[in-house]
Protein backbone atom coordinates (compact mmCIF):
# COMPACT_ATOMS: atom_id res chain seq x y z
CA MET A 1 -3.52 -25.77 -1.89
CA ARG A 2 -1.47 -24.61 1.09
CA ALA A 3 -2.94 -21.56 2.76
CA ILE A 4 -2.75 -19.46 5.90
CA THR A 5 -6.21 -19.05 7.40
CA ILE A 6 -7.80 -16.85 10.04
CA ASN A 7 -10.61 -18.72 11.78
CA GLU A 8 -11.13 -16.12 14.50
CA PHE A 9 -9.95 -12.58 15.20
CA GLY A 10 -6.98 -12.26 17.51
CA GLY A 11 -3.20 -12.11 17.81
CA PRO A 12 -0.64 -13.50 15.36
CA GLN A 13 -1.28 -16.99 16.71
CA VAL A 14 -4.65 -17.15 14.89
CA LEU A 15 -2.75 -17.40 11.59
CA THR A 16 -2.70 -21.14 10.98
CA GLU A 17 -1.60 -23.24 8.01
CA ALA A 18 -4.18 -25.45 6.32
CA GLU A 19 -4.86 -27.48 3.18
CA LEU A 20 -7.79 -26.07 1.20
CA PRO A 21 -9.34 -26.91 -2.17
CA ASP A 22 -7.77 -25.17 -5.14
CA PRO A 23 -9.95 -22.25 -6.29
CA ARG A 24 -11.25 -22.27 -9.87
CA PRO A 25 -11.68 -19.02 -11.79
CA GLY A 26 -15.11 -17.78 -12.81
CA PRO A 27 -15.94 -15.22 -15.49
CA GLY A 28 -13.47 -12.34 -15.47
CA GLN A 29 -11.14 -14.16 -13.06
CA LEU A 30 -7.88 -16.06 -13.17
CA THR A 31 -5.87 -18.12 -10.73
CA ILE A 32 -2.20 -17.64 -9.95
CA ASN A 33 0.45 -20.08 -8.79
CA THR A 34 1.64 -17.80 -6.01
CA THR A 35 5.33 -17.26 -5.40
CA HIS A 36 5.18 -14.10 -3.25
CA ALA A 37 2.50 -12.51 -1.06
CA ALA A 38 2.85 -9.04 0.44
CA VAL A 39 2.25 -8.50 4.15
CA GLY A 40 0.96 -5.07 5.14
CA LEU A 41 -0.37 -3.28 8.18
CA VAL A 42 -3.90 -3.58 6.84
CA ASP A 43 -3.49 -7.37 7.11
CA VAL A 44 -2.93 -6.85 10.83
CA PHE A 45 -6.14 -4.81 11.02
CA PHE A 46 -8.05 -7.61 9.28
CA ARG A 47 -6.55 -10.24 11.59
CA ARG A 48 -7.30 -8.36 14.80
CA GLY A 49 -10.84 -7.55 13.74
CA ASP A 50 -10.26 -3.78 13.73
CA LEU A 51 -12.39 -3.55 10.58
CA ALA A 52 -14.91 -6.24 11.56
CA GLY A 53 -17.81 -3.82 11.68
CA ARG A 54 -17.72 -3.22 7.95
CA PRO A 55 -20.11 -5.57 6.11
CA ASP A 56 -18.15 -5.33 2.83
CA LEU A 57 -15.02 -6.90 4.36
CA PRO A 58 -14.34 -10.63 4.92
CA GLN A 59 -15.28 -12.30 8.18
CA PRO A 60 -13.62 -15.46 9.58
CA PRO A 61 -12.81 -17.92 8.24
CA PHE A 62 -10.76 -16.34 5.46
CA VAL A 63 -7.35 -16.39 3.81
CA PRO A 64 -5.63 -12.99 4.22
CA GLY A 65 -3.39 -11.26 1.71
CA LEU A 66 -4.31 -8.35 -0.56
CA GLU A 67 -1.48 -8.68 -3.10
CA ALA A 68 0.22 -11.68 -4.67
CA ALA A 69 2.73 -12.36 -7.43
CA GLY A 70 3.35 -15.53 -9.38
CA THR A 71 2.42 -17.10 -12.71
CA VAL A 72 -0.97 -17.54 -14.34
CA ARG A 73 -2.39 -20.98 -13.53
CA GLU A 74 -5.83 -20.93 -15.20
CA LEU A 75 -7.99 -18.41 -17.05
CA GLY A 76 -11.68 -18.04 -16.37
CA PRO A 77 -14.35 -17.66 -19.07
CA GLY A 78 -13.99 -14.50 -21.10
CA VAL A 79 -10.52 -13.58 -19.85
CA THR A 80 -8.14 -12.44 -22.58
CA GLY A 81 -4.77 -10.73 -22.63
CA PHE A 82 -3.04 -13.30 -20.40
CA ARG A 83 -1.56 -16.72 -21.03
CA VAL A 84 -0.93 -19.65 -18.69
CA GLY A 85 2.55 -19.42 -17.17
CA GLU A 86 2.83 -15.66 -17.61
CA PRO A 87 4.34 -13.77 -14.63
CA VAL A 88 1.81 -11.43 -13.03
CA VAL A 89 1.10 -9.43 -9.89
CA THR A 90 -2.26 -8.50 -8.41
CA LEU A 91 -3.21 -5.08 -7.19
CA SER A 92 -4.88 -4.60 -3.80
CA GLN A 93 -7.99 -6.78 -3.77
CA VAL A 94 -10.38 -6.70 -0.83
CA SER A 95 -11.39 -10.29 -1.59
CA LEU A 96 -7.96 -11.20 -0.10
CA GLY A 97 -6.57 -14.74 -0.59
CA GLY A 98 -2.89 -13.96 -1.18
CA TYR A 99 -1.44 -16.07 1.65
CA ALA A 100 -1.84 -19.26 -0.34
CA SER A 101 -0.12 -21.36 -2.98
CA VAL A 102 -2.98 -20.54 -5.38
CA THR A 103 -4.57 -17.08 -5.51
CA LEU A 104 -7.90 -16.28 -7.14
CA ALA A 105 -7.92 -12.78 -8.66
CA GLN A 106 -9.94 -10.51 -10.88
CA ALA A 107 -8.28 -10.18 -14.28
CA ALA A 108 -8.95 -6.43 -14.17
CA MET A 109 -6.88 -6.26 -10.97
CA THR A 110 -3.96 -8.22 -12.40
CA VAL A 111 -0.92 -6.79 -14.18
CA SER A 112 1.48 -8.65 -16.46
CA LEU A 113 5.20 -8.66 -15.65
CA LYS A 114 6.27 -10.49 -18.80
CA ASP A 115 8.12 -7.60 -20.45
CA GLY A 116 9.78 -5.81 -17.54
CA GLY A 117 12.15 -8.31 -15.97
CA ILE A 118 10.89 -7.12 -12.59
CA ASP A 119 11.73 -9.15 -9.50
CA PRO A 120 8.40 -10.54 -8.21
CA ALA A 121 9.25 -9.64 -4.61
CA GLN A 122 9.74 -6.01 -5.65
CA ALA A 123 6.65 -6.15 -7.85
CA VAL A 124 4.31 -7.36 -5.13
CA SER A 125 5.88 -4.97 -2.61
CA ALA A 126 5.90 -1.83 -4.72
CA LEU A 127 3.53 -1.95 -7.69
CA PRO A 128 0.18 -2.13 -5.82
CA ASN A 129 1.24 0.70 -3.50
CA ALA A 130 2.67 2.75 -6.37
CA THR A 131 -0.66 2.35 -8.16
CA THR A 132 -2.37 3.63 -5.02
CA ALA A 133 0.05 6.56 -4.97
CA TYR A 134 -0.64 7.40 -8.61
CA LEU A 135 -4.41 7.32 -8.17
CA ALA A 136 -4.28 9.30 -4.94
CA LEU A 137 -1.96 12.00 -6.26
CA THR A 138 -3.68 12.41 -9.63
CA ARG A 139 -7.36 11.76 -8.90
CA VAL A 140 -7.67 13.08 -5.34
CA ALA A 141 -4.81 15.45 -4.44
CA HIS A 142 -4.49 16.69 -8.05
CA LEU A 143 -0.74 17.19 -7.71
CA GLN A 144 0.52 19.86 -10.10
CA GLU A 145 3.96 20.07 -11.67
CA GLY A 146 6.29 22.13 -9.48
CA GLU A 147 4.40 21.54 -6.23
CA SER A 148 6.08 20.26 -3.07
CA VAL A 149 5.13 17.09 -1.21
CA LEU A 150 5.65 15.93 2.39
CA VAL A 151 5.21 12.20 3.05
CA HIS A 152 4.58 11.05 6.61
CA GLY A 153 5.79 7.62 7.72
CA VAL A 154 7.97 7.55 4.63
CA ALA A 155 9.92 4.47 5.77
CA GLY A 156 6.74 2.41 5.48
CA GLY A 157 5.86 0.31 2.46
CA LEU A 158 2.92 2.41 1.22
CA ALA A 159 4.33 5.86 1.94
CA ALA A 160 7.73 5.07 0.41
CA THR A 161 6.24 4.61 -3.06
CA PHE A 162 4.83 8.14 -3.06
CA VAL A 163 8.33 9.60 -3.39
CA ALA A 164 9.12 8.18 -6.85
CA VAL A 165 5.54 8.60 -8.07
CA ALA A 166 5.43 12.25 -6.97
CA ARG A 167 8.74 12.87 -8.72
CA SER A 168 7.41 11.28 -11.91
CA LEU A 169 4.42 13.63 -11.78
CA GLY A 170 6.64 16.69 -11.57
CA ALA A 171 6.90 17.39 -7.84
CA SER A 172 9.68 19.91 -7.26
CA HIS A 173 10.57 18.98 -3.68
CA VAL A 174 9.75 15.79 -1.75
CA THR A 175 10.46 15.46 1.96
CA GLY A 176 9.38 12.90 4.54
CA THR A 177 8.95 12.15 8.21
CA VAL A 178 9.82 9.06 10.23
CA SER A 179 8.97 8.05 13.77
CA SER A 180 12.51 8.29 15.17
CA GLN A 181 16.10 9.19 14.36
CA ALA A 182 16.83 5.46 14.02
CA ARG A 183 14.42 5.20 11.09
CA ILE A 184 16.14 7.90 9.02
CA LYS A 185 18.69 5.36 7.77
CA ASP A 186 15.83 3.30 6.31
CA THR A 187 15.01 6.07 3.83
CA GLY A 188 18.40 6.61 2.21
CA HIS A 189 17.44 4.75 -0.98
CA LEU A 190 14.35 6.89 -1.62
CA GLY A 191 16.07 10.06 -2.86
CA LEU A 192 14.29 12.47 -0.53
CA ASP A 193 15.17 16.15 -0.30
CA GLY A 194 14.97 15.97 3.48
CA VAL A 195 13.87 13.63 6.29
CA PHE A 196 12.56 14.78 9.68
CA THR A 197 11.34 13.02 12.78
CA SER A 198 7.61 13.32 13.28
CA ASP A 199 7.97 15.14 16.60
CA ARG A 200 10.09 17.93 15.07
CA PHE A 201 9.01 18.27 11.44
CA VAL A 202 7.13 21.55 11.94
CA LYS A 203 10.14 23.14 13.63
CA ASP A 204 12.67 21.65 11.20
CA LEU A 205 10.77 22.87 8.15
CA ASP A 206 11.41 26.33 9.61
CA GLY A 207 8.56 28.12 7.90
CA ARG A 208 8.79 26.27 4.58
CA LEU A 209 5.31 25.29 3.43
CA VAL A 210 4.25 22.30 1.35
CA ASP A 211 1.46 21.90 -1.16
CA VAL A 212 0.52 18.26 -0.54
CA VAL A 213 0.90 16.22 2.66
CA VAL A 214 0.62 12.45 2.28
CA ASP A 215 -0.61 11.04 5.59
CA PRO A 216 -1.09 7.32 6.29
CA VAL A 217 -0.33 7.91 9.98
CA GLY A 218 -3.05 10.14 11.47
CA GLY A 219 -3.33 11.16 15.11
CA ASP A 220 -1.51 14.29 16.27
CA LEU A 221 0.69 14.21 13.16
CA ARG A 222 -2.35 14.86 10.99
CA THR A 223 -3.37 17.99 12.91
CA ALA A 224 0.21 19.30 13.05
CA SER A 225 0.38 19.05 9.26
CA LEU A 226 -1.99 22.00 8.98
CA ASP A 227 0.80 24.21 10.31
CA VAL A 228 3.07 23.47 7.33
CA LEU A 229 0.40 23.49 4.62
CA ALA A 230 0.58 26.19 1.96
CA PRO A 231 -2.59 28.08 0.97
CA LEU A 232 -4.65 25.82 -1.33
CA GLY A 233 -2.72 22.90 0.11
CA ARG A 234 -4.16 19.40 0.52
CA ILE A 235 -3.68 16.72 3.17
CA LEU A 236 -4.19 13.28 1.64
CA LEU A 237 -5.60 10.84 4.22
CA LEU A 238 -4.55 7.26 3.44
CA GLY A 239 -4.89 5.37 6.69
CA HIS A 240 -4.45 5.56 10.44
CA ALA A 241 -1.35 3.76 11.68
CA ALA A 242 -1.10 5.95 14.79
CA ARG A 243 -2.25 4.54 18.10
CA THR A 244 -3.92 7.83 19.01
CA PRO A 245 -7.14 9.26 17.52
CA ASP A 246 -7.31 12.32 15.33
CA SER A 247 -7.86 15.70 16.93
CA PRO A 248 -11.06 17.27 15.62
CA VAL A 249 -10.64 19.80 12.79
CA THR A 250 -13.63 21.96 11.93
CA GLY A 251 -14.79 22.95 8.50
CA ASP A 252 -14.36 26.58 9.48
CA GLU A 253 -10.69 25.96 10.26
CA LEU A 254 -10.11 24.46 6.81
CA TRP A 255 -12.07 27.29 5.24
CA HIS A 256 -10.00 30.00 6.90
CA ARG A 257 -6.77 28.23 5.95
CA SER A 258 -7.89 27.63 2.33
CA ALA A 259 -6.90 24.01 2.91
CA GLY A 260 -8.39 20.60 2.28
CA MET A 261 -8.35 17.15 3.87
CA LEU A 262 -9.08 14.45 1.29
CA GLY A 263 -9.57 10.77 2.04
CA PHE A 264 -8.64 7.91 -0.29
CA GLU A 265 -9.25 4.20 0.38
CA VAL A 266 -7.94 2.30 -2.61
CA GLY A 267 -9.62 -1.02 -1.80
CA SER A 268 -13.17 0.27 -2.02
CA ILE A 269 -12.38 2.46 -5.03
CA LEU A 270 -10.93 -0.39 -7.06
CA ARG A 271 -13.65 -2.79 -5.94
CA ASP A 272 -16.31 -0.46 -7.32
CA ASN A 273 -14.24 0.74 -10.31
CA PRO A 274 -11.91 -2.15 -11.25
CA ALA A 275 -11.35 -0.79 -14.75
CA THR A 276 -9.26 2.04 -13.27
CA ALA A 277 -6.71 -0.37 -11.76
CA ARG A 278 -4.60 -1.63 -14.63
CA PRO A 279 -4.27 1.70 -16.50
CA ALA A 280 -2.98 3.32 -13.31
CA ALA A 281 -0.54 0.46 -12.72
CA GLU A 282 0.77 0.76 -16.27
CA LYS A 283 1.57 4.43 -15.56
CA VAL A 284 4.01 3.48 -12.80
CA VAL A 285 5.35 0.04 -13.73
CA GLY A 286 8.17 1.76 -15.61
CA LEU A 287 9.44 3.18 -12.31
CA LEU A 288 10.20 -0.38 -11.19
CA THR A 289 11.73 -1.36 -14.53
CA SER A 290 14.05 1.67 -14.48
CA GLY A 291 14.99 1.23 -10.82
CA GLU A 292 13.59 4.64 -9.87
CA LEU A 293 11.29 2.82 -7.43
CA THR A 294 12.98 0.24 -5.23
CA LEU A 295 11.90 -0.79 -1.76
CA ARG A 296 13.71 -2.63 0.98
CA VAL A 297 12.10 -6.08 1.11
CA ASP A 298 12.51 -8.80 3.74
CA GLU A 299 11.27 -12.29 2.85
CA LEU A 300 9.88 -15.02 5.11
CA PRO A 301 8.39 -18.40 4.16
CA LEU A 302 4.60 -18.70 4.09
CA ALA A 303 4.63 -20.85 7.24
CA GLU A 304 6.07 -17.89 9.18
CA ALA A 305 3.12 -15.58 8.54
CA ALA A 306 2.55 -15.21 12.28
CA GLU A 307 6.14 -14.03 12.75
CA ALA A 308 5.65 -11.52 9.92
CA HIS A 309 2.61 -10.10 11.69
CA ARG A 310 4.47 -9.99 15.00
CA ARG A 311 7.25 -7.94 13.40
CA LEU A 312 4.77 -5.54 11.85
CA GLU A 313 2.96 -4.93 15.12
CA ALA A 314 6.30 -4.45 16.90
CA ARG A 315 7.28 -1.92 14.21
CA GLU A 316 10.42 -3.89 13.37
CA VAL A 317 9.98 -3.71 9.58
CA PRO A 318 12.11 -1.12 7.70
CA GLY A 319 10.33 -1.48 4.37
CA ARG A 320 8.11 -4.34 3.28
CA LEU A 321 7.63 -7.94 4.32
CA VAL A 322 6.88 -10.63 1.75
CA LEU A 323 5.91 -14.27 2.26
CA THR A 324 7.46 -16.73 -0.18
CA VAL A 325 5.43 -19.77 -1.23
């Protein structure tokens, strides 16, 4: 198979194309003839070695790519509910392997697209992140009907999916922040009730409080979010895209504010509890079928994986990047 490999940590240039043996599925697994592979900021973290200290994550050499779409190639022993040739998409799998013409996946982390007529580029861009949004909002933030939501970095691929998912769960008001005035135009398709720049959102909210803050950004933005959080509000921590560290927040400060900061890392949760993946995905797949969830997607060929990573690091991506195989 054709694959993009990382043989050492480093810049985009360490992404190199290679011919590797085709993987064969074991029990509970299947292989996919890949047509589309999502490229996300976490792929950059893997490539640079930002997460190298964690023993549960792959070390070089490896094939990156958490999410892939395509058609079922082969079923492993004991796998039922799929047929060869069926269109599918994987959810976020820490085993990686998506930047390849053949992807090995856990059947429990794979969702059929046979009945929805969903474009595979949209599916691989939106469905895994929408599943993350559903799990985070229902299992961690416990979003209640009628509550308000503020989504930081809402022009990004993960954060953007929270808008439609929050609406589907009954959120009454969904606003977002972006890094600059120039990025506001990249959110027009999301149906937000308001968009603010991250340096002015506290002032522009003008005393209006929110019940749930979705924060994949971190840094100073995370601390500032406490100033717009309603009593019994929750800040949902989903990542750290900021180039600055968090400011310390004490337990006493959260106590006095009647507020919570709740972390959610979907990769480790689904790795340890794979049975939760597909039911959550099935809750949100209808948002793609109906068009309520649509992301801006730019496509590049697999051989240009290094260019995709360069664009991500340069923050030149208004939406999601997908590699076509």
